Amino acid sequence: MPSKIQKYINQYRYVVVWSEDDKEFVGQCTEFPGLSHLAKDPVEAMRGVRALVEAVILDMQQNNELPPEPVYSRKYSGRLNLRMPEEQHRQLAIEAAENKVSLNTLILHRLGG
């Protein structure tokens, strides 16, 4: 397997969770939210989803498509444009003013930052 493809596969974020509905483990890849692999064993679920991601990347490569950038290597600006109902915005602004903090500081505190 070409090293560039292996690099992507190794840098993607994978999780394995139990599916009560399926009564099996589900391997998933954050960068490919539509892909998953079911298995009785969590190690097999991980192997399966990684093999599936590899197959998709190879297919993308053959079609001159770029695979998604790994989430951990993406650059983030630290800015977030958030839309919310006007009344919620008003209540948060009031709470921020009452606490003598900026709206940004209040929201960061609420998010656990």
N, C-alpha and C. Protein backbone atom coordinates (compact mmCIF):
# COMPACT_ATOMS: atom_id res chain seq x y z
N MET A 1 0.85 -1.19 0.00
CA MET A 1 0.00 0.00 0.00
C MET A 1 0.88 1.24 0.00
N PRO A 2 0.59 2.24 -0.84
CA PRO A 2 1.40 3.46 -0.89
C PRO A 2 1.44 4.15 0.46
N SER A 3 2.59 4.75 0.79
CA SER A 3 2.78 5.35 2.10
C SER A 3 1.85 6.53 2.36
N LYS A 4 1.50 7.29 1.31
CA LYS A 4 0.61 8.43 1.49
C LYS A 4 -0.77 7.96 1.98
N ILE A 5 -1.24 6.87 1.41
CA ILE A 5 -2.52 6.31 1.84
C ILE A 5 -2.40 5.81 3.27
N GLN A 6 -1.31 5.12 3.59
CA GLN A 6 -1.10 4.61 4.95
C GLN A 6 -1.05 5.77 5.94
N LYS A 7 -0.45 6.88 5.54
CA LYS A 7 -0.37 8.05 6.41
C LYS A 7 -1.77 8.53 6.77
N TYR A 8 -2.62 8.65 5.76
CA TYR A 8 -3.99 9.08 6.02
C TYR A 8 -4.69 8.09 6.95
N ILE A 9 -4.59 6.83 6.64
CA ILE A 9 -5.27 5.80 7.42
C ILE A 9 -4.82 5.86 8.88
N ASN A 10 -3.54 6.05 9.11
CA ASN A 10 -3.02 6.10 10.47
C ASN A 10 -3.36 7.38 11.22
N GLN A 11 -3.64 8.46 10.49
CA GLN A 11 -3.92 9.73 11.14
C GLN A 11 -5.41 9.99 11.38
N TYR A 12 -6.25 9.18 10.80
CA TYR A 12 -7.69 9.37 11.01
C TYR A 12 -8.08 8.99 12.43
N ARG A 13 -9.22 9.49 12.85
CA ARG A 13 -9.73 9.20 14.20
C ARG A 13 -10.74 8.07 14.11
N TYR A 14 -10.45 7.00 14.82
CA TYR A 14 -11.32 5.83 14.84
C TYR A 14 -11.89 5.62 16.24
N VAL A 15 -13.11 5.13 16.28
CA VAL A 15 -13.71 4.75 17.56
C VAL A 15 -14.42 3.42 17.36
N VAL A 16 -14.50 2.67 18.44
CA VAL A 16 -15.29 1.44 18.46
C VAL A 16 -16.25 1.56 19.62
N VAL A 17 -17.52 1.40 19.33
CA VAL A 17 -18.56 1.48 20.35
C VAL A 17 -19.48 0.26 20.26
N TRP A 18 -20.14 -0.03 21.34
CA TRP A 18 -21.10 -1.12 21.37
C TRP A 18 -22.44 -0.63 20.83
N SER A 19 -23.05 -1.41 19.95
CA SER A 19 -24.38 -1.10 19.43
C SER A 19 -25.38 -2.05 20.08
N GLU A 20 -26.19 -1.52 20.93
CA GLU A 20 -27.22 -2.34 21.59
C GLU A 20 -28.22 -2.85 20.56
N ASP A 21 -28.53 -2.04 19.56
CA ASP A 21 -29.47 -2.47 18.51
C ASP A 21 -28.94 -3.67 17.73
N ASP A 22 -27.66 -3.61 17.38
CA ASP A 22 -27.06 -4.68 16.56
C ASP A 22 -26.46 -5.80 17.39
N LYS A 23 -26.28 -5.54 18.69
CA LYS A 23 -25.64 -6.52 19.59
C LYS A 23 -24.23 -6.88 19.09
N GLU A 24 -23.55 -5.86 18.53
CA GLU A 24 -22.18 -6.01 18.05
C GLU A 24 -21.44 -4.71 18.27
N PHE A 25 -20.14 -4.78 18.12
CA PHE A 25 -19.31 -3.58 18.18
C PHE A 25 -19.33 -2.91 16.80
N VAL A 26 -19.27 -1.58 16.82
CA VAL A 26 -19.27 -0.80 15.58
C VAL A 26 -17.99 0.00 15.51
N GLY A 27 -17.21 -0.23 14.46
CA GLY A 27 -16.03 0.57 14.20
C GLY A 27 -16.42 1.74 13.30
N GLN A 28 -16.00 2.94 13.67
CA GLN A 28 -16.34 4.14 12.91
C GLN A 28 -15.11 5.01 12.72
N CYS A 29 -15.14 5.84 11.69
CA CYS A 29 -14.06 6.77 11.40
C CYS A 29 -14.66 8.17 11.30
N THR A 30 -14.17 9.10 12.12
CA THR A 30 -14.72 10.45 12.17
C THR A 30 -14.71 11.13 10.80
N GLU A 31 -13.65 10.94 10.04
CA GLU A 31 -13.52 11.61 8.75
C GLU A 31 -14.44 11.03 7.68
N PHE A 32 -14.96 9.84 7.91
CA PHE A 32 -15.90 9.19 6.99
C PHE A 32 -17.15 8.79 7.78
N PRO A 33 -18.00 9.75 8.11
CA PRO A 33 -19.14 9.47 9.00
C PRO A 33 -20.14 8.45 8.44
N GLY A 34 -20.15 8.22 7.16
CA GLY A 34 -21.08 7.26 6.57
C GLY A 34 -20.59 5.82 6.59
N LEU A 35 -19.34 5.62 7.00
CA LEU A 35 -18.77 4.26 7.02
C LEU A 35 -18.78 3.68 8.42
N SER A 36 -19.06 2.38 8.50
CA SER A 36 -18.95 1.68 9.78
C SER A 36 -18.76 0.20 9.49
N HIS A 37 -18.26 -0.50 10.50
CA HIS A 37 -18.05 -1.94 10.37
C HIS A 37 -18.50 -2.62 11.65
N LEU A 38 -19.41 -3.58 11.53
CA LEU A 38 -19.91 -4.34 12.67
C LEU A 38 -19.10 -5.61 12.86
N ALA A 39 -18.84 -5.96 14.12
CA ALA A 39 -18.13 -7.20 14.43
C ALA A 39 -18.45 -7.62 15.86
N LYS A 40 -18.33 -8.90 16.13
CA LYS A 40 -18.58 -9.43 17.48
C LYS A 40 -17.48 -9.02 18.46
N ASP A 41 -16.29 -8.73 17.92
CA ASP A 41 -15.12 -8.41 18.72
C ASP A 41 -14.68 -6.96 18.45
N PRO A 42 -14.33 -6.16 19.46
CA PRO A 42 -13.95 -4.77 19.21
C PRO A 42 -12.70 -4.63 18.35
N VAL A 43 -11.76 -5.56 18.49
CA VAL A 43 -10.55 -5.50 17.66
C VAL A 43 -10.90 -5.72 16.20
N GLU A 44 -11.80 -6.66 15.95
CA GLU A 44 -12.24 -6.92 14.57
C GLU A 44 -13.03 -5.73 14.01
N ALA A 45 -13.79 -5.06 14.85
CA ALA A 45 -14.53 -3.86 14.41
C ALA A 45 -13.54 -2.79 13.96
N MET A 46 -12.45 -2.64 14.72
CA MET A 46 -11.42 -1.65 14.36
C MET A 46 -10.72 -2.06 13.07
N ARG A 47 -10.33 -3.31 12.96
CA ARG A 47 -9.68 -3.78 11.73
C ARG A 47 -10.60 -3.59 10.53
N GLY A 48 -11.86 -3.91 10.72
CA GLY A 48 -12.82 -3.81 9.62
C GLY A 48 -13.02 -2.39 9.13
N VAL A 49 -13.16 -1.45 10.05
CA VAL A 49 -13.38 -0.07 9.61
C VAL A 49 -12.12 0.49 8.97
N ARG A 50 -10.94 0.12 9.48
CA ARG A 50 -9.70 0.58 8.85
C ARG A 50 -9.55 0.02 7.43
N ALA A 51 -9.91 -1.25 7.24
CA ALA A 51 -9.86 -1.85 5.91
C ALA A 51 -10.86 -1.16 4.97
N LEU A 52 -12.01 -0.83 5.50
CA LEU A 52 -13.03 -0.14 4.70
C LEU A 52 -12.55 1.24 4.29
N VAL A 53 -11.95 1.97 5.23
CA VAL A 53 -11.40 3.29 4.92
C VAL A 53 -10.31 3.17 3.86
N GLU A 54 -9.46 2.17 3.99
CA GLU A 54 -8.40 1.96 2.99
C GLU A 54 -9.00 1.73 1.61
N ALA A 55 -10.03 0.91 1.53
CA ALA A 55 -10.67 0.63 0.24
C ALA A 55 -11.28 1.89 -0.36
N VAL A 56 -11.90 2.71 0.48
CA VAL A 56 -12.52 3.95 0.00
C VAL A 56 -11.45 4.92 -0.49
N ILE A 57 -10.35 5.03 0.25
CA ILE A 57 -9.27 5.94 -0.17
C ILE A 57 -8.66 5.48 -1.49
N LEU A 58 -8.45 4.19 -1.64
CA LEU A 58 -7.92 3.68 -2.91
C LEU A 58 -8.87 3.99 -4.06
N ASP A 59 -10.17 3.83 -3.82
CA ASP A 59 -11.17 4.15 -4.83
C ASP A 59 -11.14 5.65 -5.16
N MET A 60 -11.03 6.46 -4.12
CA MET A 60 -10.97 7.91 -4.34
C MET A 60 -9.74 8.26 -5.17
N GLN A 61 -8.63 7.62 -4.86
CA GLN A 61 -7.39 7.88 -5.58
C GLN A 61 -7.54 7.51 -7.06
N GLN A 62 -8.19 6.40 -7.35
CA GLN A 62 -8.39 5.98 -8.74
C GLN A 62 -9.31 6.94 -9.48
N ASN A 63 -10.16 7.66 -8.75
CA ASN A 63 -11.07 8.63 -9.37
C ASN A 63 -10.56 10.06 -9.23
N ASN A 64 -9.26 10.19 -8.91
CA ASN A 64 -8.62 11.51 -8.77
C ASN A 64 -9.33 12.40 -7.75
N GLU A 65 -9.83 11.80 -6.70
CA GLU A 65 -10.46 12.54 -5.61
C GLU A 65 -9.49 12.58 -4.43
N LEU A 66 -9.56 13.66 -3.68
CA LEU A 66 -8.71 13.79 -2.50
C LEU A 66 -9.45 13.25 -1.28
N PRO A 67 -8.77 12.44 -0.47
CA PRO A 67 -9.41 11.98 0.76
C PRO A 67 -9.52 13.14 1.75
N PRO A 68 -10.43 13.05 2.71
CA PRO A 68 -10.55 14.14 3.68
C PRO A 68 -9.29 14.26 4.53
N GLU A 69 -9.00 15.48 4.90
CA GLU A 69 -7.85 15.74 5.76
C GLU A 69 -8.16 15.19 7.16
N PRO A 70 -7.19 14.56 7.80
CA PRO A 70 -7.43 14.07 9.16
C PRO A 70 -7.83 15.20 10.11
N VAL A 71 -8.81 14.96 10.93
CA VAL A 71 -9.35 15.99 11.82
C VAL A 71 -8.27 16.55 12.75
N TYR A 72 -7.33 15.72 13.17
CA TYR A 72 -6.29 16.19 14.07
C TYR A 72 -5.27 17.09 13.41
N SER A 73 -5.13 17.05 12.10
CA SER A 73 -4.14 17.88 11.43
C SER A 73 -4.76 19.15 10.84
N ARG A 74 -6.06 19.30 10.96
CA ARG A 74 -6.71 20.51 10.46
C ARG A 74 -6.34 21.71 11.34
N LYS A 75 -6.28 22.86 10.72
CA LYS A 75 -5.99 24.09 11.44
C LYS A 75 -7.33 24.76 11.78
N TYR A 76 -7.42 25.24 13.01
CA TYR A 76 -8.64 25.91 13.47
C TYR A 76 -8.30 27.33 13.86
N SER A 77 -9.18 28.25 13.51
CA SER A 77 -8.93 29.67 13.76
C SER A 77 -9.23 30.07 15.20
N GLY A 78 -10.02 29.29 15.89
CA GLY A 78 -10.44 29.66 17.23
C GLY A 78 -11.70 30.52 17.20
N ARG A 79 -12.23 30.73 16.02
CA ARG A 79 -13.46 31.51 15.87
C ARG A 79 -14.60 30.56 15.53
N LEU A 80 -15.76 30.89 16.06
CA LEU A 80 -16.95 30.08 15.81
C LEU A 80 -18.12 31.02 15.59
N ASN A 81 -18.75 30.93 14.44
CA ASN A 81 -19.92 31.73 14.15
C ASN A 81 -21.14 30.90 14.54
N LEU A 82 -21.82 31.33 15.58
CA LEU A 82 -22.92 30.56 16.14
C LEU A 82 -24.24 31.28 15.95
N ARG A 83 -25.23 30.57 15.45
CA ARG A 83 -26.56 31.15 15.31
C ARG A 83 -27.45 30.56 16.40
N MET A 84 -28.29 31.44 16.98
CA MET A 84 -29.21 31.01 18.02
C MET A 84 -30.44 31.90 17.99
N PRO A 85 -31.52 31.48 18.63
CA PRO A 85 -32.72 32.32 18.68
C PRO A 85 -32.40 33.66 19.35
N GLU A 86 -33.07 34.73 18.90
CA GLU A 86 -32.83 36.07 19.43
C GLU A 86 -33.02 36.13 20.94
N GLU A 87 -34.04 35.48 21.45
CA GLU A 87 -34.32 35.53 22.89
C GLU A 87 -33.20 34.87 23.68
N GLN A 88 -32.67 33.78 23.18
CA GLN A 88 -31.55 33.11 23.86
C GLN A 88 -30.32 34.01 23.86
N HIS A 89 -30.08 34.69 22.73
CA HIS A 89 -28.96 35.63 22.62
C HIS A 89 -29.14 36.74 23.65
N ARG A 90 -30.34 37.27 23.74
CA ARG A 90 -30.63 38.35 24.70
C ARG A 90 -30.37 37.88 26.14
N GLN A 91 -30.87 36.69 26.49
CA GLN A 91 -30.68 36.18 27.84
C GLN A 91 -29.20 35.97 28.18
N LEU A 92 -28.44 35.45 27.22
CA LEU A 92 -27.01 35.26 27.44
C LEU A 92 -26.29 36.61 27.60
N ALA A 93 -26.68 37.59 26.79
CA ALA A 93 -26.07 38.92 26.88
C ALA A 93 -26.38 39.55 28.24
N ILE A 94 -27.61 39.39 28.71
CA ILE A 94 -27.99 39.92 30.03
C ILE A 94 -27.17 39.24 31.13
N GLU A 95 -27.08 37.91 31.06
CA GLU A 95 -26.31 37.17 32.05
C GLU A 95 -24.84 37.59 32.04
N ALA A 96 -24.28 37.79 30.85
CA ALA A 96 -22.89 38.23 30.75
C ALA A 96 -22.72 39.61 31.38
N ALA A 97 -23.64 40.51 31.09
CA ALA A 97 -23.55 41.87 31.65
C ALA A 97 -23.68 41.84 33.17
N GLU A 98 -24.60 41.03 33.68
CA GLU A 98 -24.78 40.92 35.13
C GLU A 98 -23.54 40.36 35.82
N ASN A 99 -22.82 39.50 35.12
CA ASN A 99 -21.60 38.90 35.67
C ASN A 99 -20.34 39.68 35.32
N LYS A 100 -20.53 40.79 34.62
CA LYS A 100 -19.43 41.67 34.22
C LYS A 100 -18.35 40.93 33.43
N VAL A 101 -18.80 40.10 32.50
CA VAL A 101 -17.91 39.40 31.59
C VAL A 101 -18.44 39.58 30.17
N SER A 102 -17.59 39.31 29.21
CA SER A 102 -18.04 39.41 27.82
C SER A 102 -18.94 38.21 27.49
N LEU A 103 -19.72 38.36 26.47
CA LEU A 103 -20.56 37.26 26.01
C LEU A 103 -19.68 36.08 25.60
N ASN A 104 -18.56 36.37 24.97
CA ASN A 104 -17.63 35.31 24.57
C ASN A 104 -17.13 34.53 25.78
N THR A 105 -16.75 35.25 26.83
CA THR A 105 -16.25 34.60 28.06
C THR A 105 -17.34 33.75 28.69
N LEU A 106 -18.55 34.26 28.74
CA LEU A 106 -19.67 33.50 29.32
C LEU A 106 -19.90 32.19 28.55
N ILE A 107 -19.93 32.28 27.23
CA ILE A 107 -20.17 31.08 26.41
C ILE A 107 -19.01 30.10 26.54
N LEU A 108 -17.79 30.60 26.54
CA LEU A 108 -16.62 29.71 26.74
C LEU A 108 -16.72 28.99 28.08
N HIS A 109 -17.12 29.71 29.11
CA HIS A 109 -17.27 29.10 30.42
C HIS A 109 -18.36 28.01 30.39
N ARG A 110 -19.46 28.31 29.71
CA ARG A 110 -20.55 27.32 29.59
C ARG A 110 -20.10 26.06 28.83
N LEU A 111 -19.22 26.26 27.86
CA LEU A 111 -18.72 25.11 27.07
C LEU A 111 -17.62 24.37 27.81
N GLY A 112 -17.19 24.89 28.93
CA GLY A 112 -16.16 24.21 29.70
C GLY A 112 -14.76 24.62 29.33
N GLY A 113 -14.61 25.76 28.66
CA GLY A 113 -13.30 26.21 28.22
C GLY A 113 -12.63 27.14 29.19
